[in-house]
Amino acid sequence: MNNIENSDNQELMTPLEKLKWLSTRIELLETEISNLKMGSSDTWVPLPVAANILDKSVSAVRQRIKRKDKPMPQGKVWKQEAKGYEIFINLKNYRKYM
C-alpha cells in the first residue's frame, strides 16, 4: 500500500487502499476520543466539548473554573485569549484540580 496520508490524494488510491486508510484513520480518532474521555491526554478542548466529556453543563464547568473563593489556575486548567473569546479546558489538569 502506498503511504498516502493526505486525504486529498485519495483519488490515487485503489478501493482497498482507501479502505485500509480509512480504517487506520478511524482507529486513530477512536484512540484520541478515548484519551480525551479518560483525561490522559494533555490537550486543550473548547469549553462545550469539555463539558460534554465531563458530563456537566457548560455553565457548571465555567462556574467551577472561575469560582470566586477557589478559582482554577488560568494557563494550567483553562485559557482564554481575551474576555469574550472562547474558553479552552485542559481536561487532565481540570480533573487534577477537582
N, C-alpha and C. Protein backbone atom coordinates (compact mmCIF):
# COMPACT_ATOMS: atom_id res chain seq x y z
N MET A 1 0.84 -1.19 0.00
CA MET A 1 0.00 0.00 0.00
C MET A 1 0.88 1.24 0.00
N ASN A 2 0.51 2.22 -0.77
CA ASN A 2 1.24 3.48 -0.77
C ASN A 2 1.02 4.17 0.57
N ASN A 3 2.04 4.86 1.03
CA ASN A 3 1.93 5.59 2.29
C ASN A 3 1.39 6.99 2.01
N ILE A 4 0.13 7.07 1.70
CA ILE A 4 -0.51 8.34 1.38
C ILE A 4 -1.33 8.76 2.59
N GLU A 5 -0.91 9.84 3.24
CA GLU A 5 -1.59 10.28 4.45
C GLU A 5 -2.53 11.44 4.19
N ASN A 6 -2.39 12.10 3.10
CA ASN A 6 -3.21 13.25 2.79
C ASN A 6 -4.50 12.78 2.13
N SER A 7 -5.63 13.16 2.70
CA SER A 7 -6.92 12.74 2.15
C SER A 7 -7.16 13.32 0.76
N ASP A 8 -6.45 14.39 0.38
CA ASP A 8 -6.59 14.97 -0.95
C ASP A 8 -6.09 14.01 -2.03
N ASN A 9 -5.25 13.08 -1.66
CA ASN A 9 -4.67 12.13 -2.62
C ASN A 9 -5.47 10.83 -2.70
N GLN A 10 -6.66 10.80 -2.13
CA GLN A 10 -7.44 9.57 -2.12
C GLN A 10 -7.83 9.12 -3.52
N GLU A 11 -7.93 10.04 -4.48
CA GLU A 11 -8.29 9.63 -5.84
C GLU A 11 -7.19 8.77 -6.46
N LEU A 12 -5.99 8.79 -5.90
CA LEU A 12 -4.89 7.98 -6.41
C LEU A 12 -4.88 6.58 -5.80
N MET A 13 -5.71 6.34 -4.80
CA MET A 13 -5.72 5.06 -4.11
C MET A 13 -6.69 4.08 -4.78
N THR A 14 -6.37 2.82 -4.65
CA THR A 14 -7.31 1.79 -5.07
C THR A 14 -8.37 1.68 -3.99
N PRO A 15 -9.49 1.05 -4.27
CA PRO A 15 -10.53 0.89 -3.24
C PRO A 15 -10.00 0.20 -1.97
N LEU A 16 -9.15 -0.80 -2.13
CA LEU A 16 -8.60 -1.49 -0.97
C LEU A 16 -7.69 -0.57 -0.16
N GLU A 17 -6.89 0.24 -0.83
CA GLU A 17 -6.03 1.20 -0.14
C GLU A 17 -6.86 2.24 0.61
N LYS A 18 -7.95 2.70 -0.01
CA LYS A 18 -8.84 3.65 0.65
C LYS A 18 -9.44 3.05 1.91
N LEU A 19 -9.87 1.81 1.82
CA LEU A 19 -10.46 1.12 2.95
C LEU A 19 -9.45 0.99 4.09
N LYS A 20 -8.22 0.62 3.78
CA LYS A 20 -7.18 0.50 4.80
C LYS A 20 -6.87 1.86 5.42
N TRP A 21 -6.79 2.89 4.57
CA TRP A 21 -6.50 4.24 5.06
C TRP A 21 -7.61 4.72 6.00
N LEU A 22 -8.86 4.51 5.60
CA LEU A 22 -9.99 4.93 6.44
C LEU A 22 -10.03 4.15 7.74
N SER A 23 -9.74 2.86 7.68
CA SER A 23 -9.72 2.04 8.88
C SER A 23 -8.66 2.53 9.87
N THR A 24 -7.49 2.84 9.36
CA THR A 24 -6.41 3.37 10.20
C THR A 24 -6.80 4.71 10.81
N ARG A 25 -7.42 5.54 10.00
CA ARG A 25 -7.85 6.87 10.46
C ARG A 25 -8.90 6.75 11.56
N ILE A 26 -9.84 5.83 11.41
CA ILE A 26 -10.88 5.61 12.42
C ILE A 26 -10.26 5.14 13.73
N GLU A 27 -9.30 4.23 13.66
CA GLU A 27 -8.62 3.74 14.86
C GLU A 27 -7.93 4.89 15.59
N LEU A 28 -7.26 5.75 14.84
CA LEU A 28 -6.57 6.90 15.42
C LEU A 28 -7.56 7.83 16.12
N LEU A 29 -8.67 8.12 15.46
CA LEU A 29 -9.67 9.01 16.05
C LEU A 29 -10.32 8.39 17.29
N GLU A 30 -10.57 7.10 17.26
CA GLU A 30 -11.14 6.43 18.43
C GLU A 30 -10.18 6.49 19.62
N THR A 31 -8.88 6.36 19.34
CA THR A 31 -7.88 6.46 20.40
C THR A 31 -7.86 7.88 20.97
N GLU A 32 -7.93 8.87 20.11
CA GLU A 32 -7.94 10.26 20.58
C GLU A 32 -9.18 10.54 21.43
N ILE A 33 -10.33 10.04 21.02
CA ILE A 33 -11.56 10.23 21.79
C ILE A 33 -11.44 9.56 23.15
N SER A 34 -10.92 8.35 23.17
CA SER A 34 -10.74 7.63 24.43
C SER A 34 -9.80 8.38 25.36
N ASN A 35 -8.71 8.91 24.83
CA ASN A 35 -7.76 9.68 25.64
C ASN A 35 -8.41 10.93 26.22
N LEU A 36 -9.23 11.58 25.42
CA LEU A 36 -9.93 12.77 25.91
C LEU A 36 -10.88 12.42 27.04
N LYS A 37 -11.65 11.35 26.86
CA LYS A 37 -12.62 10.96 27.88
C LYS A 37 -11.94 10.53 29.17
N MET A 38 -10.78 9.90 29.07
CA MET A 38 -10.07 9.45 30.25
C MET A 38 -9.22 10.56 30.86
N GLY A 39 -9.02 11.62 30.12
CA GLY A 39 -8.23 12.73 30.62
C GLY A 39 -6.74 12.44 30.64
N SER A 40 -6.32 11.42 29.91
CA SER A 40 -4.90 11.07 29.91
C SER A 40 -4.11 11.88 28.91
N SER A 41 -4.80 12.65 28.13
CA SER A 41 -4.14 13.47 27.11
C SER A 41 -4.00 14.89 27.63
N ASP A 42 -2.93 15.55 27.29
CA ASP A 42 -2.66 16.91 27.75
C ASP A 42 -3.07 17.91 26.67
N THR A 43 -4.28 17.74 26.15
CA THR A 43 -4.75 18.61 25.07
C THR A 43 -5.79 19.60 25.59
N TRP A 44 -5.94 20.67 24.85
CA TRP A 44 -6.91 21.71 25.17
C TRP A 44 -8.14 21.52 24.28
N VAL A 45 -9.32 21.54 24.90
CA VAL A 45 -10.57 21.41 24.14
C VAL A 45 -11.47 22.59 24.48
N PRO A 46 -12.33 22.97 23.54
CA PRO A 46 -13.26 24.06 23.81
C PRO A 46 -14.19 23.71 24.98
N LEU A 47 -14.63 24.73 25.69
CA LEU A 47 -15.48 24.54 26.86
C LEU A 47 -16.69 23.63 26.61
N PRO A 48 -17.45 23.81 25.53
CA PRO A 48 -18.61 22.92 25.30
C PRO A 48 -18.21 21.45 25.15
N VAL A 49 -17.08 21.20 24.51
CA VAL A 49 -16.60 19.83 24.33
C VAL A 49 -16.19 19.26 25.69
N ALA A 50 -15.48 20.05 26.48
CA ALA A 50 -15.06 19.61 27.81
C ALA A 50 -16.27 19.29 28.68
N ALA A 51 -17.27 20.16 28.64
CA ALA A 51 -18.47 19.92 29.44
C ALA A 51 -19.14 18.61 29.03
N ASN A 52 -19.21 18.36 27.75
CA ASN A 52 -19.81 17.12 27.26
C ASN A 52 -19.03 15.90 27.74
N ILE A 53 -17.71 15.94 27.64
CA ILE A 53 -16.87 14.83 28.08
C ILE A 53 -16.99 14.61 29.59
N LEU A 54 -17.07 15.71 30.34
CA LEU A 54 -17.16 15.64 31.80
C LEU A 54 -18.58 15.35 32.28
N ASP A 55 -19.52 15.31 31.35
CA ASP A 55 -20.93 15.09 31.66
C ASP A 55 -21.48 16.17 32.60
N LYS A 56 -21.08 17.40 32.32
CA LYS A 56 -21.53 18.57 33.08
C LYS A 56 -22.07 19.59 32.10
N SER A 57 -22.78 20.57 32.63
CA SER A 57 -23.24 21.65 31.75
C SER A 57 -22.09 22.63 31.53
N VAL A 58 -22.17 23.36 30.44
CA VAL A 58 -21.17 24.38 30.14
C VAL A 58 -21.11 25.38 31.28
N SER A 59 -22.26 25.77 31.77
CA SER A 59 -22.33 26.74 32.87
C SER A 59 -21.64 26.21 34.13
N ALA A 60 -21.83 24.94 34.44
CA ALA A 60 -21.22 24.35 35.65
C ALA A 60 -19.70 24.34 35.55
N VAL A 61 -19.17 23.99 34.39
CA VAL A 61 -17.71 23.97 34.22
C VAL A 61 -17.17 25.40 34.28
N ARG A 62 -17.84 26.33 33.62
CA ARG A 62 -17.39 27.73 33.64
C ARG A 62 -17.40 28.27 35.07
N GLN A 63 -18.46 27.98 35.82
CA GLN A 63 -18.54 28.46 37.20
C GLN A 63 -17.44 27.84 38.06
N ARG A 64 -17.13 26.59 37.82
CA ARG A 64 -16.10 25.92 38.62
C ARG A 64 -14.71 26.49 38.36
N ILE A 65 -14.37 26.76 37.12
CA ILE A 65 -13.02 27.26 36.82
C ILE A 65 -12.83 28.70 37.28
N LYS A 66 -13.92 29.45 37.35
CA LYS A 66 -13.81 30.86 37.72
C LYS A 66 -14.41 31.16 39.10
N ARG A 67 -14.55 30.13 39.92
CA ARG A 67 -15.13 30.29 41.25
C ARG A 67 -14.37 31.35 42.04
N LYS A 68 -15.11 32.24 42.69
CA LYS A 68 -14.50 33.38 43.40
C LYS A 68 -13.57 32.94 44.52
N ASP A 69 -14.01 32.00 45.36
CA ASP A 69 -13.21 31.62 46.53
C ASP A 69 -12.07 30.66 46.23
N LYS A 70 -12.18 29.89 45.13
CA LYS A 70 -11.12 28.94 44.79
C LYS A 70 -11.08 28.72 43.28
N PRO A 71 -10.61 29.73 42.53
CA PRO A 71 -10.57 29.57 41.08
C PRO A 71 -9.48 28.58 40.65
N MET A 72 -9.71 27.94 39.55
CA MET A 72 -8.70 27.04 38.99
C MET A 72 -7.67 27.89 38.25
N PRO A 73 -6.39 27.47 38.27
CA PRO A 73 -5.35 28.31 37.67
C PRO A 73 -5.48 28.48 36.15
N GLN A 74 -5.52 29.74 35.77
CA GLN A 74 -5.57 30.05 34.34
C GLN A 74 -4.21 29.73 33.73
N GLY A 75 -4.22 29.13 32.55
CA GLY A 75 -2.99 28.73 31.89
C GLY A 75 -2.64 27.28 32.14
N LYS A 76 -3.14 26.73 33.23
CA LYS A 76 -2.93 25.30 33.52
C LYS A 76 -4.21 24.51 33.29
N VAL A 77 -5.32 25.02 33.79
CA VAL A 77 -6.60 24.33 33.67
C VAL A 77 -7.44 24.92 32.55
N TRP A 78 -7.41 26.22 32.42
CA TRP A 78 -8.21 26.87 31.39
C TRP A 78 -7.43 28.04 30.81
N LYS A 79 -7.81 28.40 29.59
CA LYS A 79 -7.18 29.56 28.96
C LYS A 79 -8.21 30.26 28.09
N GLN A 80 -8.00 31.55 27.97
CA GLN A 80 -8.89 32.39 27.17
C GLN A 80 -8.06 33.56 26.67
N GLU A 81 -8.06 33.77 25.37
CA GLU A 81 -7.22 34.82 24.78
C GLU A 81 -7.57 36.20 25.33
N ALA A 82 -8.86 36.47 25.44
CA ALA A 82 -9.33 37.75 25.98
C ALA A 82 -10.79 37.58 26.38
N LYS A 83 -11.28 38.49 27.19
CA LYS A 83 -12.68 38.42 27.61
C LYS A 83 -13.58 38.40 26.38
N GLY A 84 -14.52 37.49 26.37
CA GLY A 84 -15.43 37.35 25.24
C GLY A 84 -14.98 36.32 24.22
N TYR A 85 -13.73 35.87 24.33
CA TYR A 85 -13.22 34.84 23.43
C TYR A 85 -13.54 33.46 23.99
N GLU A 86 -13.38 32.46 23.16
CA GLU A 86 -13.68 31.08 23.55
C GLU A 86 -12.74 30.61 24.66
N ILE A 87 -13.29 29.84 25.60
CA ILE A 87 -12.53 29.27 26.70
C ILE A 87 -12.14 27.85 26.33
N PHE A 88 -10.89 27.50 26.61
CA PHE A 88 -10.39 26.14 26.38
C PHE A 88 -10.03 25.51 27.72
N ILE A 89 -10.31 24.22 27.84
CA ILE A 89 -10.09 23.47 29.08
C ILE A 89 -9.06 22.37 28.83
N ASN A 90 -8.13 22.22 29.77
CA ASN A 90 -7.20 21.10 29.76
C ASN A 90 -7.81 20.04 30.67
N LEU A 91 -8.38 18.99 30.11
CA LEU A 91 -9.12 18.00 30.89
C LEU A 91 -8.27 17.31 31.94
N LYS A 92 -7.04 17.00 31.59
CA LYS A 92 -6.15 16.33 32.54
C LYS A 92 -5.96 17.20 33.78
N ASN A 93 -5.66 18.46 33.59
CA ASN A 93 -5.46 19.36 34.72
C ASN A 93 -6.77 19.70 35.43
N TYR A 94 -7.85 19.78 34.69
CA TYR A 94 -9.16 20.03 35.32
C TYR A 94 -9.46 18.95 36.33
N ARG A 95 -9.25 17.70 35.92
CA ARG A 95 -9.51 16.58 36.84
C ARG A 95 -8.55 16.61 38.04
N LYS A 96 -7.31 17.01 37.78
CA LYS A 96 -6.31 17.06 38.84
C LYS A 96 -6.70 18.09 39.91
N TYR A 97 -7.22 19.25 39.48
CA TYR A 97 -7.56 20.32 40.40
C TYR A 97 -8.96 20.18 41.00
N MET A 98 -9.70 19.20 40.59
CA MET A 98 -11.03 18.96 41.17
C MET A 98 -10.85 18.41 42.54
